[in-house]
Amino acid sequence: MSSAITQALTQAIDSLVAEGKEPSVALIKARLSDPLPMPVIIKALQSWKSSARVPKIERQDAPATAEARIAALEQQVAELTARLTALEARNA
């Protein structure tokens, strides 16, 4: 997924340069088929202006809900408890 974002930004910037236009946040945003957050576009443009390349940009997953986090923690506690019980039995 991250390479697709980087590739889309690179293609947008390259197409603008090929047309003789100076890439800007608005022009890049208009060229993207999928919307990206403005800070991502700004970061890519700044990197391109300073080093003529777009950095690898990764999409972060949405944070888990409180219920999902609690369920994961409960599962982890159960697994750790089972391991502790097994270690105690082995050392007894």
PDB file of N, CA and C in Angstrom:
ATOM      1  N   MET A   1       0.821  -1.192   0.000  1.00  0.00           N
ATOM      2  CA  MET A   1       0.000   0.000   0.000  1.00  0.00           C
ATOM      3  C   MET A   1       0.861   1.250   0.000  1.00  0.00           C
ATOM      4  N   SER A   2       1.936   1.244   0.788  1.00  0.00           N
ATOM      5  CA  SER A   2       2.762   2.448   0.886  1.00  0.00           C
ATOM      6  C   SER A   2       3.440   2.778  -0.430  1.00  0.00           C
ATOM      7  N   SER A   3       3.865   1.755  -1.171  1.00  0.00           N
ATOM      8  CA  SER A   3       4.517   2.033  -2.448  1.00  0.00           C
ATOM      9  C   SER A   3       3.524   2.628  -3.431  1.00  0.00           C
ATOM     10  N   ALA A   4       2.237   2.270  -3.313  1.00  0.00           N
ATOM     11  CA  ALA A   4       1.213   2.840  -4.191  1.00  0.00           C
ATOM     12  C   ALA A   4       1.046   4.329  -3.929  1.00  0.00           C
ATOM     13  N   ILE A   5       1.105   4.728  -2.679  1.00  0.00           N
ATOM     14  CA  ILE A   5       0.985   6.149  -2.333  1.00  0.00           C
ATOM     15  C   ILE A   5       2.189   6.912  -2.858  1.00  0.00           C
ATOM     16  N   THR A   6       3.374   6.383  -2.607  1.00  0.00           N
ATOM     17  CA  THR A   6       4.601   7.022  -3.083  1.00  0.00           C
ATOM     18  C   THR A   6       4.603   7.099  -4.600  1.00  0.00           C
ATOM     19  N   GLN A   7       4.185   6.030  -5.248  1.00  0.00           N
ATOM     20  CA  GLN A   7       4.161   5.995  -6.709  1.00  0.00           C
ATOM     21  C   GLN A   7       3.155   7.006  -7.260  1.00  0.00           C
ATOM     22  N   ALA A   8       1.984   7.114  -6.641  1.00  0.00           N
ATOM     23  CA  ALA A   8       0.969   8.062  -7.102  1.00  0.00           C
ATOM     24  C   ALA A   8       1.474   9.492  -6.981  1.00  0.00           C
ATOM     25  N   LEU A   9       2.144   9.800  -5.872  1.00  0.00           N
ATOM     26  CA  LEU A   9       2.694  11.148  -5.686  1.00  0.00           C
ATOM     27  C   LEU A   9       3.801  11.431  -6.695  1.00  0.00           C
ATOM     28  N   THR A  10       4.655  10.446  -6.926  1.00  0.00           N
ATOM     29  CA  THR A  10       5.739  10.611  -7.888  1.00  0.00           C
ATOM     30  C   THR A  10       5.181  10.831  -9.291  1.00  0.00           C
ATOM     31  N   GLN A  11       4.179  10.061  -9.675  1.00  0.00           N
ATOM     32  CA  GLN A  11       3.578  10.217 -10.995  1.00  0.00           C
ATOM     33  C   GLN A  11       2.929  11.588 -11.150  1.00  0.00           C
ATOM     34  N   ALA A  12       2.248  12.042 -10.101  1.00  0.00           N
ATOM     35  CA  ALA A  12       1.599  13.353 -10.164  1.00  0.00           C
ATOM     36  C   ALA A  12       2.642  14.458 -10.356  1.00  0.00           C
ATOM     37  N   ILE A  13       3.719  14.389  -9.588  1.00  0.00           N
ATOM     38  CA  ILE A  13       4.768  15.408  -9.699  1.00  0.00           C
ATOM     39  C   ILE A  13       5.458  15.320 -11.057  1.00  0.00           C
ATOM     40  N   ASP A  14       5.769  14.103 -11.488  1.00  0.00           N
ATOM     41  CA  ASP A  14       6.439  13.929 -12.784  1.00  0.00           C
ATOM     42  C   ASP A  14       5.585  14.433 -13.942  1.00  0.00           C
ATOM     43  N   SER A  15       4.274  14.197 -13.869  1.00  0.00           N
ATOM     44  CA  SER A  15       3.407  14.665 -14.959  1.00  0.00           C
ATOM     45  C   SER A  15       3.344  16.185 -14.992  1.00  0.00           C
ATOM     46  N   LEU A  16       3.369  16.818 -13.834  1.00  0.00           N
ATOM     47  CA  LEU A  16       3.373  18.289 -13.788  1.00  0.00           C
ATOM     48  C   LEU A  16       4.671  18.844 -14.366  1.00  0.00           C
ATOM     49  N   VAL A  17       5.785  18.232 -13.997  1.00  0.00           N
ATOM     50  CA  VAL A  17       7.086  18.683 -14.498  1.00  0.00           C
ATOM     51  C   VAL A  17       7.156  18.485 -16.014  1.00  0.00           C
ATOM     52  N   ALA A  18       6.625  17.356 -16.499  1.00  0.00           N
ATOM     53  CA  ALA A  18       6.641  17.078 -17.939  1.00  0.00           C
ATOM     54  C   ALA A  18       5.834  18.123 -18.712  1.00  0.00           C
ATOM     55  N   GLU A  19       4.827  18.678 -18.071  1.00  0.00           N
ATOM     56  CA  GLU A  19       4.012  19.718 -18.710  1.00  0.00           C
ATOM     57  C   GLU A  19       4.622  21.102 -18.530  1.00  0.00           C
ATOM     58  N   GLY A  20       5.748  21.182 -17.854  1.00  0.00           N
ATOM     59  CA  GLY A  20       6.408  22.468 -17.645  1.00  0.00           C
ATOM     60  C   GLY A  20       5.819  23.272 -16.502  1.00  0.00           C
ATOM     61  N   LYS A  21       5.040  22.630 -15.647  1.00  0.00           N
ATOM     62  CA  LYS A  21       4.421  23.325 -14.515  1.00  0.00           C
ATOM     63  C   LYS A  21       5.238  23.093 -13.258  1.00  0.00           C
ATOM     64  N   GLU A  22       5.264  24.076 -12.403  1.00  0.00           N
ATOM     65  CA  GLU A  22       5.926  23.966 -11.105  1.00  0.00           C
ATOM     66  C   GLU A  22       4.968  23.239 -10.160  1.00  0.00           C
ATOM     67  N   PRO A  23       5.346  22.062  -9.633  1.00  0.00           N
ATOM     68  CA  PRO A  23       4.441  21.334  -8.728  1.00  0.00           C
ATOM     69  C   PRO A  23       4.100  22.157  -7.491  1.00  0.00           C
ATOM     70  N   SER A  24       2.844  22.132  -7.129  1.00  0.00           N
ATOM     71  CA  SER A  24       2.373  22.769  -5.904  1.00  0.00           C
ATOM     72  C   SER A  24       1.421  21.803  -5.225  1.00  0.00           C
ATOM     73  N   VAL A  25       1.088  22.090  -3.995  1.00  0.00           N
ATOM     74  CA  VAL A  25       0.196  21.206  -3.242  1.00  0.00           C
ATOM     75  C   VAL A  25      -1.145  21.078  -3.964  1.00  0.00           C
ATOM     76  N   ALA A  26      -1.689  22.202  -4.421  1.00  0.00           N
ATOM     77  CA  ALA A  26      -2.988  22.170  -5.093  1.00  0.00           C
ATOM     78  C   ALA A  26      -2.934  21.381  -6.396  1.00  0.00           C
ATOM     79  N   LEU A  27      -1.885  21.575  -7.188  1.00  0.00           N
ATOM     80  CA  LEU A  27      -1.775  20.856  -8.450  1.00  0.00           C
ATOM     81  C   LEU A  27      -1.584  19.357  -8.233  1.00  0.00           C
ATOM     82  N   ILE A  28      -0.779  19.014  -7.236  1.00  0.00           N
ATOM     83  CA  ILE A  28      -0.572  17.590  -6.933  1.00  0.00           C
ATOM     84  C   ILE A  28      -1.871  16.967  -6.463  1.00  0.00           C
ATOM     85  N   LYS A  29      -2.567  17.651  -5.562  1.00  0.00           N
ATOM     86  CA  LYS A  29      -3.830  17.138  -5.031  1.00  0.00           C
ATOM     87  C   LYS A  29      -4.834  16.918  -6.163  1.00  0.00           C
ATOM     88  N   ALA A  30      -4.853  17.801  -7.137  1.00  0.00           N
ATOM     89  CA  ALA A  30      -5.781  17.672  -8.253  1.00  0.00           C
ATOM     90  C   ALA A  30      -5.434  16.480  -9.144  1.00  0.00           C
ATOM     91  N   ARG A  31      -4.171  16.087  -9.194  1.00  0.00           N
ATOM     92  CA  ARG A  31      -3.741  14.971 -10.044  1.00  0.00           C
ATOM     93  C   ARG A  31      -3.938  13.605  -9.407  1.00  0.00           C
ATOM     94  N   LEU A  32      -4.134  13.557  -8.101  1.00  0.00           N
ATOM     95  CA  LEU A  32      -4.253  12.273  -7.403  1.00  0.00           C
ATOM     96  C   LEU A  32      -5.634  11.670  -7.603  1.00  0.00           C
ATOM     97  N   SER A  33      -5.684  10.374  -7.885  1.00  0.00           N
ATOM     98  CA  SER A  33      -6.968   9.699  -8.053  1.00  0.00           C
ATOM     99  C   SER A  33      -7.612   9.404  -6.696  1.00  0.00           C
ATOM    100  N   ASP A  34      -6.802   9.113  -5.693  1.00  0.00           N
ATOM    101  CA  ASP A  34      -7.297   8.893  -4.335  1.00  0.00           C
ATOM    102  C   ASP A  34      -6.861  10.058  -3.464  1.00  0.00           C
ATOM    103  N   PRO A  35      -7.774  10.594  -2.665  1.00  0.00           N
ATOM    104  CA  PRO A  35      -7.400  11.731  -1.821  1.00  0.00           C
ATOM    105  C   PRO A  35      -6.386  11.336  -0.749  1.00  0.00           C
ATOM    106  N   LEU A  36      -5.459  12.234  -0.496  1.00  0.00           N
ATOM    107  CA  LEU A  36      -4.472  12.052   0.567  1.00  0.00           C
ATOM    108  C   LEU A  36      -4.527  13.257   1.486  1.00  0.00           C
ATOM    109  N   PRO A  37      -4.162  13.077   2.750  1.00  0.00           N
ATOM    110  CA  PRO A  37      -4.138  14.223   3.675  1.00  0.00           C
ATOM    111  C   PRO A  37      -3.123  15.274   3.213  1.00  0.00           C
ATOM    112  N   MET A  38      -3.449  16.530   3.445  1.00  0.00           N
ATOM    113  CA  MET A  38      -2.582  17.632   3.023  1.00  0.00           C
ATOM    114  C   MET A  38      -1.161  17.510   3.583  1.00  0.00           C
ATOM    115  N   PRO A  39      -0.979  17.128   4.866  1.00  0.00           N
ATOM    116  CA  PRO A  39       0.392  17.014   5.371  1.00  0.00           C
ATOM    117  C   PRO A  39       1.244  16.014   4.582  1.00  0.00           C
ATOM    118  N   VAL A  40       0.623  14.957   4.067  1.00  0.00           N
ATOM    119  CA  VAL A  40       1.357  13.959   3.282  1.00  0.00           C
ATOM    120  C   VAL A  40       1.824  14.580   1.967  1.00  0.00           C
ATOM    121  N   ILE A  41       0.928  15.329   1.328  1.00  0.00           N
ATOM    122  CA  ILE A  41       1.274  15.979   0.058  1.00  0.00           C
ATOM    123  C   ILE A  41       2.358  17.026   0.278  1.00  0.00           C
ATOM    124  N   ILE A  42       2.232  17.787   1.350  1.00  0.00           N
ATOM    125  CA  ILE A  42       3.228  18.824   1.662  1.00  0.00           C
ATOM    126  C   ILE A  42       4.588  18.192   1.911  1.00  0.00           C
ATOM    127  N   LYS A  43       4.616  17.098   2.679  1.00  0.00           N
ATOM    128  CA  LYS A  43       5.881  16.407   2.966  1.00  0.00           C
ATOM    129  C   LYS A  43       6.527  15.912   1.677  1.00  0.00           C
ATOM    130  N   ALA A  44       5.716  15.324   0.803  1.00  0.00           N
ATOM    131  CA  ALA A  44       6.243  14.819  -0.465  1.00  0.00           C
ATOM    132  C   ALA A  44       6.792  15.948  -1.322  1.00  0.00           C
ATOM    133  N   LEU A  45       6.072  17.056  -1.397  1.00  0.00           N
ATOM    134  CA  LEU A  45       6.514  18.196  -2.202  1.00  0.00           C
ATOM    135  C   LEU A  45       7.803  18.799  -1.645  1.00  0.00           C
ATOM    136  N   GLN A  46       7.879  18.950  -0.334  1.00  0.00           N
ATOM    137  CA  GLN A  46       9.099  19.494   0.275  1.00  0.00           C
ATOM    138  C   GLN A  46      10.295  18.594   0.000  1.00  0.00           C
ATOM    139  N   SER A  47      10.098  17.300   0.119  1.00  0.00           N
ATOM    140  CA  SER A  47      11.188  16.364  -0.146  1.00  0.00           C
ATOM    141  C   SER A  47      11.597  16.415  -1.610  1.00  0.00           C
ATOM    142  N   TRP A  48      10.623  16.486  -2.499  1.00  0.00           N
ATOM    143  CA  TRP A  48      10.924  16.544  -3.932  1.00  0.00           C
ATOM    144  C   TRP A  48      11.702  17.816  -4.268  1.00  0.00           C
ATOM    145  N   LYS A  49      11.314  18.940  -3.662  1.00  0.00           N
ATOM    146  CA  LYS A  49      12.016  20.199  -3.936  1.00  0.00           C
ATOM    147  C   LYS A  49      13.447  20.173  -3.414  1.00  0.00           C
ATOM    148  N   SER A  50      13.684  19.497  -2.293  1.00  0.00           N
ATOM    149  CA  SER A  50      15.028  19.500  -1.719  1.00  0.00           C
ATOM    150  C   SER A  50      15.936  18.417  -2.302  1.00  0.00           C
ATOM    151  N   SER A  51      15.356  17.269  -2.687  1.00  0.00           N
ATOM    152  CA  SER A  51      16.216  16.181  -3.153  1.00  0.00           C
ATOM    153  C   SER A  51      15.762  15.548  -4.465  1.00  0.00           C
ATOM    154  N   ALA A  52      14.758  16.115  -5.096  1.00  0.00           N
ATOM    155  CA  ALA A  52      14.229  15.639  -6.378  1.00  0.00           C
ATOM    156  C   ALA A  52      13.705  14.199  -6.303  1.00  0.00           C
ATOM    157  N   ARG A  53      13.214  13.805  -5.138  1.00  0.00           N
ATOM    158  CA  ARG A  53      12.585  12.496  -5.019  1.00  0.00           C
ATOM    159  C   ARG A  53      11.514  12.556  -3.935  1.00  0.00           C
ATOM    160  N   VAL A  54      10.556  11.648  -4.056  1.00  0.00           N
ATOM    161  CA  VAL A  54       9.470  11.559  -3.081  1.00  0.00           C
ATOM    162  C   VAL A  54       9.833  10.476  -2.071  1.00  0.00           C
ATOM    163  N   PRO A  55       9.740  10.774  -0.773  1.00  0.00           N
ATOM    164  CA  PRO A  55      10.097   9.752   0.224  1.00  0.00           C
ATOM    165  C   PRO A  55       9.053   8.646   0.262  1.00  0.00           C
ATOM    166  N   LYS A  56       9.447   7.505   0.815  1.00  0.00           N
ATOM    167  CA  LYS A  56       8.507   6.405   0.995  1.00  0.00           C
ATOM    168  C   LYS A  56       7.489   6.833   2.046  1.00  0.00           C
ATOM    169  N   ILE A  57       6.235   6.771   1.674  1.00  0.00           N
ATOM    170  CA  ILE A  57       5.169   7.201   2.569  1.00  0.00           C
ATOM    171  C   ILE A  57       4.300   6.008   2.885  1.00  0.00           C
ATOM    172  N   GLU A  58       4.089   5.770   4.160  1.00  0.00           N
ATOM    173  CA  GLU A  58       3.301   4.630   4.602  1.00  0.00           C
ATOM    174  C   GLU A  58       1.967   5.092   5.156  1.00  0.00           C
ATOM    175  N   ARG A  59       0.948   4.324   4.836  1.00  0.00           N
ATOM    176  CA  ARG A  59      -0.381   4.612   5.364  1.00  0.00           C
ATOM    177  C   ARG A  59      -0.512   3.900   6.699  1.00  0.00           C
ATOM    178  N   GLN A  60      -0.925   4.637   7.697  1.00  0.00           N
ATOM    179  CA  GLN A  60      -1.091   4.037   9.014  1.00  0.00           C
ATOM    180  C   GLN A  60      -2.519   3.540   9.162  1.00  0.00           C
ATOM    181  N   ASP A  61      -2.651   2.396   9.810  1.00  0.00           N
ATOM    182  CA  ASP A  61      -3.973   1.861  10.058  1.00  0.00           C
ATOM    183  C   ASP A  61      -4.682   2.715  11.101  1.00  0.00           C
ATOM    184  N   ALA A  62      -5.985   2.724  11.007  1.00  0.00           N
ATOM    185  CA  ALA A  62      -6.773   3.472  11.979  1.00  0.00           C
ATOM    186  C   ALA A  62      -6.567   2.857  13.357  1.00  0.00           C
ATOM    187  N   PRO A  63      -6.523   3.686  14.396  1.00  0.00           N
ATOM    188  CA  PRO A  63      -6.336   3.135  15.736  1.00  0.00           C
ATOM    189  C   PRO A  63      -7.496   2.205  16.095  1.00  0.00           C
ATOM    190  N   ALA A  64      -7.171   1.165  16.835  1.00  0.00           N
ATOM    191  CA  ALA A  64      -8.177   0.195  17.238  1.00  0.00           C
ATOM    192  C   ALA A  64      -9.151   0.819  18.226  1.00  0.00           C
ATOM    193  N   THR A  65     -10.358   0.318  18.220  1.00  0.00           N
ATOM    194  CA  THR A  65     -11.347   0.808  19.175  1.00  0.00           C
ATOM    195  C   THR A  65     -10.966   0.328  20.573  1.00  0.00           C
ATOM    196  N   ALA A  66     -11.564   0.945  21.562  1.00  0.00           N
ATOM    197  CA  ALA A  66     -11.269   0.579  22.945  1.00  0.00           C
ATOM    198  C   ALA A  66     -11.641  -0.881  23.204  1.00  0.00           C
ATOM    199  N   GLU A  67     -12.760  -1.312  22.628  1.00  0.00           N
ATOM    200  CA  GLU A  67     -13.189  -2.696  22.829  1.00  0.00           C
ATOM    201  C   GLU A  67     -12.183  -3.675  22.224  1.00  0.00           C
ATOM    202  N   ALA A  68     -11.676  -3.363  21.028  1.00  0.00           N
ATOM    203  CA  ALA A  68     -10.708  -4.242  20.372  1.00  0.00           C
ATOM    204  C   ALA A  68      -9.401  -4.282  21.160  1.00  0.00           C
ATOM    205  N   ARG A  69      -8.986  -3.135  21.668  1.00  0.00           N
ATOM    206  CA  ARG A  69      -7.752  -3.089  22.458  1.00  0.00           C
ATOM    207  C   ARG A  69      -7.916  -3.896  23.745  1.00  0.00           C
ATOM    208  N   ILE A  70      -9.063  -3.771  24.392  1.00  0.00           N
ATOM    209  CA  ILE A  70      -9.311  -4.511  25.637  1.00  0.00           C
ATOM    210  C   ILE A  70      -9.316  -6.010  25.362  1.00  0.00           C
ATOM    211  N   ALA A  71      -9.958  -6.418  24.269  1.00  0.00           N
ATOM    212  CA  ALA A  71     -10.000  -7.840  23.926  1.00  0.00           C
ATOM    213  C   ALA A  71      -8.594  -8.371  23.654  1.00  0.00           C
ATOM    214  N   ALA A  72      -7.770  -7.596  22.952  1.00  0.00           N
ATOM    215  CA  ALA A  72      -6.395  -8.019  22.675  1.00  0.00           C
ATOM    216  C   ALA A  72      -5.587  -8.121  23.963  1.00  0.00           C
ATOM    217  N   LEU A  73      -5.776  -7.179  24.862  1.00  0.00           N
ATOM    218  CA  LEU A  73      -5.060  -7.216  26.139  1.00  0.00           C
ATOM    219  C   LEU A  73      -5.514  -8.390  26.996  1.00  0.00           C
ATOM    220  N   GLU A  74      -6.804  -8.671  26.989  1.00  0.00           N
ATOM    221  CA  GLU A  74      -7.304  -9.823  27.743  1.00  0.00           C
ATOM    222  C   GLU A  74      -6.716 -11.118  27.199  1.00  0.00           C
ATOM    223  N   GLN A  75      -6.621 -11.225  25.877  1.00  0.00           N
ATOM    224  CA  GLN A  75      -6.025 -12.408  25.259  1.00  0.00           C
ATOM    225  C   GLN A  75      -4.554 -12.529  25.653  1.00  0.00           C
ATOM    226  N   GLN A  76      -3.847 -11.408  25.645  1.00  0.00           N
ATOM    227  CA  GLN A  76      -2.433 -11.411  26.014  1.00  0.00           C
ATOM    228  C   GLN A  76      -2.256 -11.829  27.476  1.00  0.00           C
ATOM    229  N   VAL A  77      -3.094 -11.325  28.360  1.00  0.00           N
ATOM    230  CA  VAL A  77      -3.016 -11.696  29.775  1.00  0.00           C
ATOM    231  C   VAL A  77      -3.272 -13.187  29.946  1.00  0.00           C
ATOM    232  N   ALA A  78      -4.258 -13.717  29.220  1.00  0.00           N
ATOM    233  CA  ALA A  78      -4.557 -15.145  29.320  1.00  0.00           C
ATOM    234  C   ALA A  78      -3.366 -15.980  28.857  1.00  0.00           C
ATOM    235  N   GLU A  79      -2.733 -15.592  27.754  1.00  0.00           N
ATOM    236  CA  GLU A  79      -1.569 -16.322  27.249  1.00  0.00           C
ATOM    237  C   GLU A  79      -0.398 -16.252  28.224  1.00  0.00           C
ATOM    238  N   LEU A  80      -0.160 -15.072  28.783  1.00  0.00           N
ATOM    239  CA  LEU A  80       0.944 -14.912  29.736  1.00  0.00           C
ATOM    240  C   LEU A  80       0.683 -15.693  31.021  1.00  0.00           C
ATOM    241  N   THR A  81      -0.563 -15.723  31.452  1.00  0.00           N
ATOM    242  CA  THR A  81      -0.917 -16.490  32.643  1.00  0.00           C
ATOM    243  C   THR A  81      -0.666 -17.978  32.415  1.00  0.00           C
ATOM    244  N   ALA A  82      -1.033 -18.463  31.231  1.00  0.00           N
ATOM    245  CA  ALA A  82      -0.804 -19.875  30.906  1.00  0.00           C
ATOM    246  C   ALA A  82       0.689 -20.183  30.870  1.00  0.00           C
ATOM    247  N   ARG A  83       1.486 -19.287  30.303  1.00  0.00           N
ATOM    248  CA  ARG A  83       2.940 -19.499  30.262  1.00  0.00           C
ATOM    249  C   ARG A  83       3.532 -19.491  31.663  1.00  0.00           C
ATOM    250  N   LEU A  84       3.059 -18.570  32.496  1.00  0.00           N
ATOM    251  CA  LEU A  84       3.562 -18.481  33.873  1.00  0.00           C
ATOM    252  C   LEU A  84       3.213 -19.742  34.637  1.00  0.00           C
ATOM    253  N   THR A  85       2.012 -20.246  34.472  1.00  0.00           N
ATOM    254  CA  THR A  85       1.588 -21.475  35.147  1.00  0.00           C
ATOM    255  C   THR A  85       2.462 -22.652  34.711  1.00  0.00           C
ATOM    256  N   ALA A  86       2.741 -22.716  33.401  1.00  0.00           N
ATOM    257  CA  ALA A  86       3.584 -23.797  32.893  1.00  0.00           C
ATOM    258  C   ALA A  86       5.003 -23.694  33.439  1.00  0.00           C
ATOM    259  N   LEU A  87       5.540 -22.500  33.527  1.00  0.00           N
ATOM    260  CA  LEU A  87       6.896 -22.317  34.074  1.00  0.00           C
ATOM    261  C   LEU A  87       6.944 -22.661  35.548  1.00  0.00           C
ATOM    262  N   GLU A  88       5.937 -22.272  36.289  1.00  0.00           N
ATOM    263  CA  GLU A  88       5.891 -22.588  37.705  1.00  0.00           C
ATOM    264  C   GLU A  88       5.782 -24.096  37.930  1.00  0.00           C
ATOM    265  N   ALA A  89       5.008 -24.776  37.099  1.00  0.00           N
ATOM    266  CA  ALA A  89       4.864 -26.221  37.213  1.00  0.00           C
ATOM    267  C   ALA A  89       6.156 -26.931  36.880  1.00  0.00           C
ATOM    268  N   ARG A  90       6.878 -26.408  35.907  1.00  0.00           N
ATOM    269  CA  ARG A  90       8.145 -27.021  35.495  1.00  0.00           C
ATOM    270  C   ARG A  90       9.229 -26.833  36.569  1.00  0.00           C
ATOM    271  N   ASN A  91       9.200 -25.723  37.279  1.00  0.00           N
ATOM    272  CA  ASN A  91      10.212 -25.425  38.290  1.00  0.00           C
ATOM    273  C   ASN A  91       9.851 -25.984  39.675  1.00  0.00           C
ATOM    274  N   ALA A  92       8.669 -26.499  39.815  1.00  0.00           N
ATOM    275  CA  ALA A  92       8.244 -26.984  41.136  1.00  0.00           C
ATOM    276  C   ALA A  92       8.724 -28.397  41.417  1.00  0.00           C
TER     277      ALA A  92
END
